[in-house]
Amino acid sequence: MNVVITGANRGIGLSLCNIHVERGHQVFAVCRRSSEALSALGVQVLDGIDVSKAEDVARMQERLGNIQVDLLINNAGILRDEVLGDINYDSIVDQFNTNALGPLRVTEALLPNLVPGSKVAMISSRMGSIADNTSGGRYGYRMSKVALNIAGVSLAQDLRSKQVAVALLHPGLVGTEMIGGVGNVTPDEAAERLMQRIDELSLESSGRFWHADGDELPW
């Protein structure tokens, strides 16, 4: 089984790589910069790839060539904070480019590599749920994840005829470097739960929004 994982050098992405190494899968780890932990796994690292840049994604696809991709996990993402009254709009654009356009760009680039039975997982966030927003703030991150969610639903519709299923997944509050280490689950625990959802994914459940614990989330 060939697995492509973006944002693979740390956090959830690194933990997902480890799971697939343990499963005996061929892992293609996509990242901007590798890490000692990632290199130690013995996976095929595709570094120097920023998913927000079209030229980098094109280079990633070229490096992958015509390999069959059985599972694509779009995990790369960034989190910034904005304060109403002093919003940094460049920061919001950066989050859109990475969190929303990046996964779409990667998925489209790898369309020739996907085959019937392949799966695409979008690592989203419940902060992209409009119904669940009771605290405000985080404009760029929330907006980019809403955009990612609707892109994922469209992909689920468009890829159904190709028999490729798409999942939108919230990993939980994970204690990663991105959020300063604060969380109630570890990256390893989150990755295990995410893989349970991905393993269960089918064309029947394609395009739905799930918490890693198995609960379906509201849009």
Protein backbone atom coordinates (compact mmCIF):
# COMPACT_ATOMS: atom_id res chain seq x y z
CA MET A 1 0.00 0.00 0.00
CA ASN A 2 1.35 3.43 -0.97
CA VAL A 3 0.56 6.30 1.40
CA VAL A 4 1.26 10.00 0.82
CA ILE A 5 1.18 12.22 3.91
CA THR A 6 1.71 15.99 3.87
CA GLY A 7 3.00 17.93 6.85
CA ALA A 8 4.85 14.76 7.78
CA ASN A 9 7.88 16.03 9.67
CA ARG A 10 6.29 16.49 13.10
CA GLY A 11 3.11 16.23 15.17
CA ILE A 12 0.19 14.27 13.80
CA GLY A 13 1.83 13.86 10.40
CA LEU A 14 4.87 12.19 11.92
CA SER A 15 2.68 9.91 14.03
CA LEU A 16 0.67 8.93 10.94
CA CYS A 17 3.91 8.08 9.15
CA ASN A 18 4.93 5.86 12.04
CA ILE A 19 1.62 3.98 11.98
CA HIS A 20 1.99 3.17 8.30
CA VAL A 21 5.61 2.11 8.70
CA GLU A 22 4.44 -0.31 11.40
CA ARG A 23 1.76 -1.56 8.99
CA GLY A 24 4.44 -2.26 6.41
CA HIS A 25 3.23 0.35 3.95
CA GLN A 26 5.33 2.43 1.59
CA VAL A 27 5.22 5.98 2.94
CA PHE A 28 5.94 9.12 0.97
CA ALA A 29 6.40 11.87 3.54
CA VAL A 30 5.84 15.36 2.14
CA CYS A 31 7.13 18.36 4.08
CA ARG A 32 8.87 21.69 3.80
CA ARG A 33 11.78 20.54 5.95
CA SER A 34 12.52 17.06 7.20
CA SER A 35 13.30 16.25 10.82
CA GLU A 36 15.55 13.78 12.60
CA ALA A 37 12.50 11.85 13.78
CA LEU A 38 11.11 11.57 10.26
CA SER A 39 14.44 10.56 8.74
CA ALA A 40 14.80 7.86 11.37
CA LEU A 41 11.60 6.16 10.17
CA GLY A 42 13.19 5.16 6.88
CA VAL A 43 10.33 6.51 4.78
CA GLN A 44 10.77 8.22 1.42
CA VAL A 45 10.95 11.91 2.31
CA LEU A 46 9.85 14.50 -0.24
CA ASP A 47 11.12 17.66 1.42
CA GLY A 48 11.25 21.19 0.08
CA ILE A 49 7.53 21.01 -0.67
CA ASP A 50 5.30 23.86 0.49
CA VAL A 51 1.71 22.90 -0.37
CA SER A 52 0.76 26.57 -0.67
CA LYS A 53 3.00 26.90 -3.74
CA ALA A 54 1.86 25.51 -7.07
CA GLU A 55 5.41 24.99 -8.29
CA ASP A 56 6.30 22.93 -5.22
CA VAL A 57 3.23 20.72 -5.61
CA ALA A 58 4.05 20.19 -9.29
CA ARG A 59 7.56 19.13 -8.25
CA MET A 60 6.07 16.74 -5.68
CA GLN A 61 3.92 15.09 -8.35
CA GLU A 62 6.93 14.81 -10.64
CA ARG A 63 8.95 13.12 -7.91
CA LEU A 64 6.13 10.67 -7.22
CA GLY A 65 5.79 9.91 -10.91
CA ASN A 66 3.17 7.33 -11.82
CA ILE A 67 3.09 5.43 -8.51
CA GLN A 68 -0.35 4.33 -7.38
CA VAL A 69 -1.54 6.31 -4.35
CA ASP A 70 -3.80 4.16 -2.19
CA LEU A 71 -4.15 6.73 0.58
CA LEU A 72 -3.55 10.48 0.50
CA ILE A 73 -3.61 12.27 3.85
CA ASN A 74 -3.69 16.05 3.49
CA ASN A 75 -2.40 16.96 6.93
CA ALA A 76 -0.24 20.07 6.36
CA GLY A 77 -1.66 23.17 8.00
CA ILE A 78 -0.82 26.39 9.80
CA LEU A 79 -2.54 28.23 12.64
CA ARG A 80 -2.36 31.96 13.26
CA ASP A 81 -4.39 34.25 15.50
CA GLU A 82 -6.14 37.47 14.57
CA VAL A 83 -7.60 40.10 16.86
CA LEU A 84 -10.74 41.94 15.73
CA GLY A 85 -9.85 45.59 15.26
CA ASP A 86 -6.30 44.75 14.28
CA ILE A 87 -6.66 41.88 11.80
CA ASN A 88 -3.65 40.89 9.73
CA TYR A 89 -5.23 40.00 6.40
CA ASP A 90 -1.97 38.71 4.97
CA SER A 91 -2.02 36.12 7.73
CA ILE A 92 -5.53 35.07 6.72
CA VAL A 93 -4.44 34.71 3.08
CA ASP A 94 -1.48 32.56 4.17
CA GLN A 95 -3.82 30.26 6.09
CA PHE A 96 -6.18 29.97 3.11
CA ASN A 97 -3.28 29.09 0.82
CA THR A 98 -1.99 26.36 3.10
CA ASN A 99 -5.10 25.01 4.83
CA ALA A 100 -7.69 25.19 2.04
CA LEU A 101 -6.00 25.58 -1.33
CA GLY A 102 -3.04 23.38 -0.39
CA PRO A 103 -5.01 20.15 0.10
CA LEU A 104 -7.07 20.83 -3.02
CA ARG A 105 -3.92 21.56 -5.01
CA VAL A 106 -2.24 18.35 -3.81
CA THR A 107 -5.32 16.22 -4.48
CA GLU A 108 -5.77 17.59 -7.97
CA ALA A 109 -2.08 17.07 -8.76
CA LEU A 110 -2.36 13.42 -7.72
CA LEU A 111 -5.60 12.64 -9.57
CA PRO A 112 -3.69 10.47 -12.09
CA ASN A 113 -2.26 8.47 -9.18
CA LEU A 114 -5.59 7.68 -7.53
CA VAL A 115 -7.30 4.41 -8.46
CA PRO A 116 -10.65 2.81 -7.61
CA GLY A 117 -10.52 2.08 -3.88
CA SER A 118 -8.10 4.89 -3.08
CA LYS A 119 -8.94 7.17 -0.15
CA VAL A 120 -8.32 10.85 0.50
CA ALA A 121 -8.32 12.21 4.04
CA MET A 122 -8.51 15.92 4.77
CA ILE A 123 -7.33 16.79 8.27
CA SER A 124 -9.76 19.57 9.10
CA SER A 125 -10.89 21.00 12.43
CA ARG A 126 -14.13 21.47 14.32
CA MET A 127 -13.11 25.15 14.25
CA GLY A 128 -14.34 24.91 10.67
CA SER A 129 -17.85 24.12 11.92
CA ILE A 130 -20.16 27.12 11.70
CA ALA A 131 -22.73 25.58 14.04
CA ASP A 132 -20.03 24.80 16.62
CA ASN A 133 -18.56 28.32 16.73
CA THR A 134 -19.52 29.67 20.14
CA SER A 135 -16.31 31.54 20.94
CA GLY A 136 -15.43 33.60 17.85
CA GLY A 137 -11.90 34.67 16.98
CA ARG A 138 -9.31 32.76 14.93
CA TYR A 139 -10.75 34.28 11.75
CA GLY A 140 -8.18 32.98 9.32
CA TYR A 141 -8.01 29.47 10.69
CA ARG A 142 -11.78 29.08 11.01
CA MET A 143 -12.46 30.49 7.56
CA SER A 144 -9.76 28.37 5.93
CA LYS A 145 -11.11 25.18 7.51
CA VAL A 146 -14.68 25.96 6.40
CA ALA A 147 -13.28 26.38 2.88
CA LEU A 148 -11.41 23.08 3.22
CA ASN A 149 -14.61 21.34 4.30
CA ILE A 150 -16.62 22.49 1.29
CA ALA A 151 -13.72 21.57 -1.01
CA GLY A 152 -13.73 18.11 0.55
CA VAL A 153 -17.45 17.69 -0.06
CA SER A 154 -17.02 18.71 -3.69
CA LEU A 155 -14.13 16.29 -4.08
CA ALA A 156 -16.26 13.51 -2.60
CA GLN A 157 -18.90 14.20 -5.24
CA ASP A 158 -16.46 14.52 -8.13
CA LEU A 159 -14.38 11.47 -7.18
CA ARG A 160 -17.32 9.16 -6.51
CA SER A 161 -17.42 8.01 -10.13
CA LYS A 162 -13.75 7.11 -9.80
CA GLN A 163 -14.62 5.10 -6.65
CA VAL A 164 -12.40 7.27 -4.47
CA ALA A 165 -13.73 8.15 -1.01
CA VAL A 166 -12.99 11.38 0.87
CA ALA A 167 -13.08 12.01 4.62
CA LEU A 168 -13.06 15.30 6.53
CA LEU A 169 -11.55 14.66 9.93
CA HIS A 170 -11.09 16.63 13.14
CA PRO A 171 -8.22 15.11 15.14
CA GLY A 172 -9.26 16.51 18.51
CA LEU A 173 -7.38 19.01 20.66
CA VAL A 174 -3.91 17.65 20.07
CA GLY A 175 -0.87 18.75 22.04
CA THR A 176 1.30 19.69 19.07
CA GLU A 177 3.85 22.44 18.58
CA MET A 178 1.32 24.26 16.38
CA ILE A 179 -0.90 25.02 19.37
CA GLY A 180 1.88 25.33 21.93
CA GLY A 181 1.67 21.79 23.26
CA VAL A 182 -1.72 22.33 24.90
CA GLY A 183 -4.18 19.51 24.30
CA ASN A 184 -6.04 16.55 25.76
CA VAL A 185 -4.68 13.94 23.35
CA THR A 186 -1.18 13.23 22.13
CA PRO A 187 -0.25 13.19 18.43
CA ASP A 188 0.10 9.40 18.61
CA GLU A 189 -3.37 9.01 20.14
CA ALA A 190 -4.88 11.36 17.58
CA ALA A 191 -3.20 9.52 14.71
CA GLU A 192 -4.52 6.15 15.92
CA ARG A 193 -8.07 7.52 16.11
CA LEU A 194 -7.80 9.19 12.73
CA MET A 195 -6.69 5.92 11.17
CA GLN A 196 -9.70 4.16 12.68
CA ARG A 197 -11.92 6.63 10.83
CA ILE A 198 -9.92 6.31 7.61
CA ASP A 199 -10.00 2.51 7.79
CA GLU A 200 -13.80 2.69 8.12
CA LEU A 201 -14.17 5.18 5.25
CA SER A 202 -16.21 3.99 2.28
CA LEU A 203 -18.04 5.51 -0.66
CA GLU A 204 -21.19 5.41 1.49
CA SER A 205 -19.62 7.66 4.14
CA SER A 206 -17.61 9.79 1.71
CA GLY A 207 -17.88 13.56 2.13
CA ARG A 208 -18.89 13.54 5.79
CA PHE A 209 -17.27 15.45 8.66
CA TRP A 210 -16.04 13.31 11.55
CA HIS A 211 -14.39 13.79 14.92
CA ALA A 212 -11.54 11.33 15.33
CA ASP A 213 -13.49 9.76 18.21
CA GLY A 214 -16.20 8.66 15.75
CA ASP A 215 -18.80 11.38 16.31
CA GLU A 216 -20.16 13.13 13.22
CA LEU A 217 -19.69 16.89 13.43
CA PRO A 218 -22.15 19.60 12.36
CA TRP A 219 -21.35 21.87 9.45
